[in-house]
Structures are given as C-alpha cells and as structure tokens.
Amino acid sequence: MKTNGIVRNWSYSALSQYEKCPAQYKYARIEKRPQPESPHLARGNETHALLEAKVRQVPAIPGPAVRAEGVGHLDGYVAELITQKPRVEEMWYLDSEWRLLQAGGKYHPATWLIVKMDVYLPRARGRNPRIVDWKTGKRYDDHEQQAQLYALAADAYENGASDVVDVDMVYVDDGEDPISKWEFDVGEQGEELRGSWNERAMTLFTETKWEPTPSYMGCNWCPFSRRKGGPCRAG
C-alpha cells in the first residue's frame, strides 16, 4: 500500500488527534506550529512528575499547578508498586511487526509505534504483566482503547510469554475510587487486536488531504481554529 511519505510513526495520542481532526494533526505534528500549554496540561505534567518521583523514591516538590490535596491518597498504592521492581517513565519503540525494538533510551530509527509507559511491572511468578497509567481529569470511554494498545505493547515486551496483561488506569483526581482495572487477552485475541490497530493506523499513514472535522467543542479548544486566529478555515 502506498503511504503519504510524511508520517513515519504513531502513538495513541497522535492517532487519537488525527481521528478527531486531521487538520489539527497536520498543524501540530507535521507543520509543528507553536501552541500554548494549557493549565490542564501543565497540571497533568506536574502530577506525572510527582508520581514518578514517588515511585522512584526520590525527593520531589509539587509544582504550582498540582491541586492542594496532591496525590497523598495514592501513597498506599504507590508503596505496593515499589515492592514489585517497576520500570518507570519509559518510551517503548515497536516496529511494524509489533516487535519491541527498545524499551527506554533513545528513539530507534525503525520505530513504527511509540508507547509511553508510566509504570510497568514485568511478568513474574504468579503475576501477569501489569501497566499503570496515571490520569488527571475525567474518565473517558476511549481510555479502554488506550489500555488495550498498551497491553499489546506489553505482549511485545514479554515476547508473547503471557496470555493476559493487566492494566490499571489511575484517575488521580478521584479520591474515592481512583483505579479502573482491565484484563486483556493478548494470547488468543492478540492477532485480531493487532490487525484492528493496523487498519486504524494505516489511515494516518495514507492520509493526503488533512481536512478539518469541525465541531463546537473541538474548535473551541483548538489553538489552530479560525476563531482563535489560527490557520484553520473551520471554527
């Protein structure tokens, strides 16, 4: 299949952005136009950094965007992660055959898929591989899709040695019930799931028009919209 020659690799966030609005993807990731950091993004980044430090057991000072209550309600959960020798804040690079090229370290030139692991607990005796992804803000239905993709990356990391991968999505702002848990069958269902993701990803690799898909909320938040003085003709 002929590709557009522009897109070299993808990630969950990149594909999600493209599927919501190809024009926004083009402005942000191909033309690399500047865009302001939102308060929500700033708080998310600071919260991730604080939790990373806790899991690594190094000192950290909460940034100004982190909410006053901080992340203390997750201390017990974090303590349990620490006992399982976690891999923390790694970029994983996979090729187009869903083989792991590198976990951590520099970008690999053969990369097709990039996955950012907040916390990863490798397979051990009596324990499935387990992924932990920190989330600030609301729960969204598409988070299960992200969890599924990350489970497939874990299958590559484990070289197919585990049929099931566990994923915890941890919603930091929910003090009462912060953790959503999933189990993904990457053994019997792995080939079918990878095929589905391949189809979705190829739409990005073969796109040539990059047309906007305007919506009230989408354009309202988009820094490239016409109403905000951006280059897009929509919004």
Protein backbone atom coordinates (compact mmCIF):
# COMPACT_ATOMS: atom_id res chain seq x y z
CA MET A 1 0.00 0.00 0.00
CA LYS A 2 1.33 3.43 -0.93
CA THR A 3 1.86 5.72 2.05
CA ASN A 4 1.93 9.51 2.19
CA GLY A 5 5.65 9.55 2.97
CA ILE A 6 5.03 12.10 5.73
CA VAL A 7 4.07 10.02 8.75
CA ARG A 8 6.90 7.80 9.99
CA ASN A 9 5.42 6.51 13.23
CA TRP A 10 2.43 6.88 15.51
CA SER A 11 1.34 6.80 19.12
CA TYR A 12 -2.05 6.53 20.78
CA SER A 13 -2.26 10.30 21.31
CA ALA A 14 -1.20 11.03 17.71
CA LEU A 15 -3.74 8.63 16.23
CA SER A 16 -6.49 9.97 18.52
CA GLN A 17 -5.72 13.53 17.46
CA TYR A 18 -5.81 12.53 13.79
CA GLU A 19 -9.09 10.65 14.14
CA LYS A 20 -10.72 13.66 15.82
CA CYS A 21 -9.40 16.17 13.28
CA PRO A 22 -6.82 15.50 10.54
CA ALA A 23 -6.22 19.25 10.12
CA GLN A 24 -5.31 19.66 13.78
CA TYR A 25 -2.89 16.75 13.47
CA LYS A 26 -1.27 18.41 10.46
CA TYR A 27 -0.82 21.78 12.18
CA ALA A 28 0.51 20.26 15.41
CA ARG A 29 2.61 17.32 14.26
CA ILE A 30 3.60 17.91 10.65
CA GLU A 31 3.92 21.69 10.48
CA LYS A 32 4.80 21.80 14.20
CA ARG A 33 3.10 25.13 14.76
CA PRO A 34 3.52 26.54 18.27
CA GLN A 35 0.65 26.12 20.69
CA PRO A 36 0.26 27.37 24.25
CA GLU A 37 0.43 24.96 27.17
CA SER A 38 -2.98 24.75 28.78
CA PRO A 39 -3.43 24.79 32.58
CA HIS A 40 -4.82 21.24 32.33
CA LEU A 41 -1.69 20.03 30.53
CA ALA A 42 0.59 21.82 32.99
CA ARG A 43 -1.14 20.18 35.96
CA GLY A 44 -1.04 16.80 34.23
CA ASN A 45 2.69 17.09 33.59
CA GLU A 46 3.42 18.19 37.16
CA THR A 47 1.28 15.42 38.62
CA HIS A 48 3.04 12.80 36.48
CA ALA A 49 6.43 14.13 37.60
CA LEU A 50 5.37 13.98 41.26
CA LEU A 51 4.13 10.40 40.95
CA GLU A 52 7.25 9.39 39.03
CA ALA A 53 9.38 10.70 41.88
CA LYS A 54 7.30 8.81 44.45
CA VAL A 55 7.65 5.53 42.58
CA ARG A 56 11.38 6.10 42.11
CA GLN A 57 11.63 7.06 45.81
CA VAL A 58 13.40 10.34 45.14
CA PRO A 59 12.56 13.78 46.60
CA ALA A 60 10.03 15.89 44.74
CA ILE A 61 8.28 19.21 45.29
CA PRO A 62 4.75 19.55 43.86
CA GLY A 63 4.56 22.20 41.12
CA PRO A 64 2.18 25.15 41.40
CA ALA A 65 -0.42 23.55 39.12
CA VAL A 66 -0.89 20.43 41.26
CA ARG A 67 -4.03 20.59 43.37
CA ALA A 68 -3.64 21.37 47.06
CA GLU A 69 -4.62 17.84 48.14
CA GLY A 70 -1.80 16.45 45.99
CA VAL A 71 -1.52 12.70 45.49
CA GLY A 72 -1.28 11.54 49.10
CA HIS A 73 -4.36 9.33 48.72
CA LEU A 74 -2.30 7.13 46.38
CA ASP A 75 0.59 6.56 48.79
CA GLY A 76 -0.52 3.02 49.67
CA TYR A 77 -0.98 2.11 46.04
CA VAL A 78 2.44 3.53 45.15
CA ALA A 79 4.06 1.64 48.03
CA GLU A 80 2.69 -1.62 46.61
CA LEU A 81 4.12 -0.77 43.16
CA ILE A 82 7.56 -0.12 44.64
CA THR A 83 7.75 -3.67 46.03
CA GLN A 84 7.41 -5.12 42.52
CA LYS A 85 10.52 -3.56 40.94
CA PRO A 86 8.72 -1.33 38.44
CA ARG A 87 10.07 0.16 35.25
CA VAL A 88 9.20 3.86 35.38
CA GLU A 89 8.55 6.51 32.70
CA GLU A 90 9.90 4.73 29.65
CA MET A 91 9.36 5.29 25.96
CA TRP A 92 8.89 1.99 24.15
CA TYR A 93 9.60 1.66 20.43
CA LEU A 94 7.97 -1.07 18.31
CA ASP A 95 8.36 -1.93 14.64
CA SER A 96 5.54 -2.57 12.15
CA GLU A 97 5.53 -6.27 13.05
CA TRP A 98 4.74 -5.37 16.66
CA ARG A 99 8.20 -6.38 17.83
CA LEU A 100 9.85 -4.42 20.61
CA LEU A 101 12.88 -2.55 19.34
CA GLN A 102 13.78 -0.78 22.54
CA ALA A 103 12.33 -0.11 26.00
CA GLY A 104 13.71 3.16 27.30
CA GLY A 105 16.63 5.05 25.86
CA LYS A 106 16.83 6.94 22.60
CA TYR A 107 14.49 6.79 19.65
CA HIS A 108 15.07 3.82 17.36
CA PRO A 109 15.19 4.65 13.62
CA ALA A 110 12.98 1.65 12.69
CA THR A 111 10.19 2.78 15.03
CA TRP A 112 6.60 2.39 13.82
CA LEU A 113 4.72 2.67 17.16
CA ILE A 114 5.69 4.67 20.24
CA VAL A 115 4.20 3.87 23.64
CA LYS A 116 4.92 5.85 26.79
CA MET A 117 4.78 3.65 29.88
CA ASP A 118 4.20 5.50 33.16
CA VAL A 119 4.80 2.37 35.25
CA TYR A 120 5.37 -1.20 34.07
CA LEU A 121 5.56 -4.30 36.25
CA PRO A 122 7.06 -7.15 34.21
CA ARG A 123 5.70 -10.67 34.32
CA ALA A 124 6.76 -12.62 37.39
CA ARG A 125 5.94 -15.94 39.02
CA GLY A 126 2.20 -15.99 39.68
CA ARG A 127 1.73 -12.46 38.27
CA ASN A 128 0.64 -11.16 34.90
CA PRO A 129 2.45 -8.19 33.38
CA ARG A 130 0.84 -5.01 34.68
CA ILE A 131 0.66 -1.50 33.31
CA VAL A 132 -0.13 1.59 35.36
CA ASP A 133 -1.17 4.79 33.58
CA TRP A 134 -1.70 8.00 35.57
CA LYS A 135 -4.68 10.11 34.51
CA THR A 136 -5.67 13.61 35.58
CA GLY A 137 -9.14 14.88 34.81
CA LYS A 138 -12.22 12.89 33.86
CA ARG A 139 -12.73 9.28 32.85
CA TYR A 140 -13.33 8.83 29.11
CA ASP A 141 -14.59 5.77 27.25
CA ASP A 142 -11.61 5.77 24.88
CA HIS A 143 -9.22 5.14 27.77
CA GLU A 144 -10.07 1.43 27.46
CA GLN A 145 -8.81 1.57 23.86
CA GLN A 146 -5.56 3.12 25.07
CA ALA A 147 -5.25 0.41 27.72
CA GLN A 148 -5.74 -2.25 25.05
CA LEU A 149 -2.99 -0.80 22.85
CA TYR A 150 -0.61 -0.64 25.79
CA ALA A 151 -1.40 -4.28 26.63
CA LEU A 152 -0.33 -5.25 23.11
CA ALA A 153 2.94 -3.36 23.64
CA ALA A 154 3.43 -5.33 26.88
CA ASP A 155 2.86 -8.53 24.91
CA ALA A 156 5.74 -7.48 22.65
CA TYR A 157 7.90 -6.68 25.68
CA GLU A 158 7.21 -10.14 27.14
CA ASN A 159 7.76 -11.78 23.73
CA GLY A 160 4.38 -13.48 23.90
CA ALA A 161 5.15 -15.25 27.18
CA SER A 162 1.95 -14.11 28.92
CA ASP A 163 -1.57 -14.58 27.59
CA VAL A 164 -3.07 -11.88 29.82
CA VAL A 165 -1.93 -8.33 30.56
CA ASP A 166 -3.40 -6.27 33.41
CA VAL A 167 -3.86 -2.52 33.06
CA ASP A 168 -4.63 -0.02 35.82
CA MET A 169 -5.85 3.42 34.79
CA VAL A 170 -5.36 5.57 37.89
CA TYR A 171 -7.56 8.69 37.98
CA VAL A 172 -5.61 10.90 40.34
CA ASP A 173 -8.41 13.42 40.86
CA ASP A 174 -10.83 10.77 42.15
CA GLY A 175 -10.10 10.46 45.84
CA GLU A 176 -12.72 7.76 46.49
CA ASP A 177 -12.38 5.26 43.63
CA PRO A 178 -9.36 6.22 41.53
CA ILE A 179 -8.48 2.92 39.82
CA SER A 180 -10.13 1.33 36.79
CA LYS A 181 -8.78 -2.16 36.07
CA TRP A 182 -8.80 -4.18 32.86
CA GLU A 183 -7.52 -7.59 31.79
CA PHE A 184 -6.68 -8.08 28.13
CA ASP A 185 -6.36 -11.43 26.40
CA VAL A 186 -3.32 -10.89 24.21
CA GLY A 187 -2.89 -14.61 23.57
CA GLU A 188 -5.88 -15.87 21.61
CA GLN A 189 -7.13 -12.37 20.72
CA GLY A 190 -3.78 -10.70 20.15
CA GLU A 191 -3.60 -11.21 16.39
CA GLU A 192 -7.12 -9.86 15.87
CA LEU A 193 -6.47 -6.83 18.08
CA ARG A 194 -3.22 -6.00 16.30
CA GLY A 195 -4.98 -6.27 12.96
CA SER A 196 -7.62 -3.79 14.09
CA TRP A 197 -5.00 -1.30 15.21
CA ASN A 198 -3.08 -1.77 11.95
CA GLU A 199 -6.18 -0.76 9.99
CA ARG A 200 -6.69 2.35 12.11
CA ALA A 201 -3.03 3.36 11.92
CA MET A 202 -2.85 2.95 8.14
CA THR A 203 -5.47 5.67 7.67
CA LEU A 204 -2.93 8.04 9.19
CA PHE A 205 -0.08 6.76 7.03
CA THR A 206 -2.11 7.11 3.84
CA GLU A 207 -3.87 10.44 4.54
CA THR A 208 -3.22 13.17 1.95
CA LYS A 209 -5.98 15.79 2.37
CA TRP A 210 -5.85 16.59 6.12
CA GLU A 211 -9.36 18.06 6.11
CA PRO A 212 -10.80 19.62 9.30
CA THR A 213 -13.71 17.95 11.08
CA PRO A 214 -15.31 20.95 12.82
CA SER A 215 -17.37 20.70 15.97
CA TYR A 216 -18.33 23.30 18.54
CA MET A 217 -16.30 21.81 21.40
CA GLY A 218 -13.42 20.66 19.22
CA CYS A 219 -12.94 24.05 17.59
CA ASN A 220 -13.49 25.86 20.88
CA TRP A 221 -10.46 24.11 22.40
CA CYS A 222 -8.31 24.01 19.26
CA PRO A 223 -5.47 26.59 19.17
CA PHE A 224 -5.48 26.46 15.36
CA SER A 225 -9.16 27.34 14.89
CA ARG A 226 -10.25 30.41 12.96
CA ARG A 227 -11.97 31.91 16.00
CA LYS A 228 -8.61 31.94 17.79
CA GLY A 229 -6.77 33.47 14.86
CA GLY A 230 -5.32 30.17 13.72
CA PRO A 231 -4.66 28.90 10.20
CA CYS A 232 -7.68 26.57 10.02
CA ARG A 233 -10.66 27.71 7.98
CA ALA A 234 -13.02 25.90 10.35
CA GLY A 235 -14.16 27.05 13.77
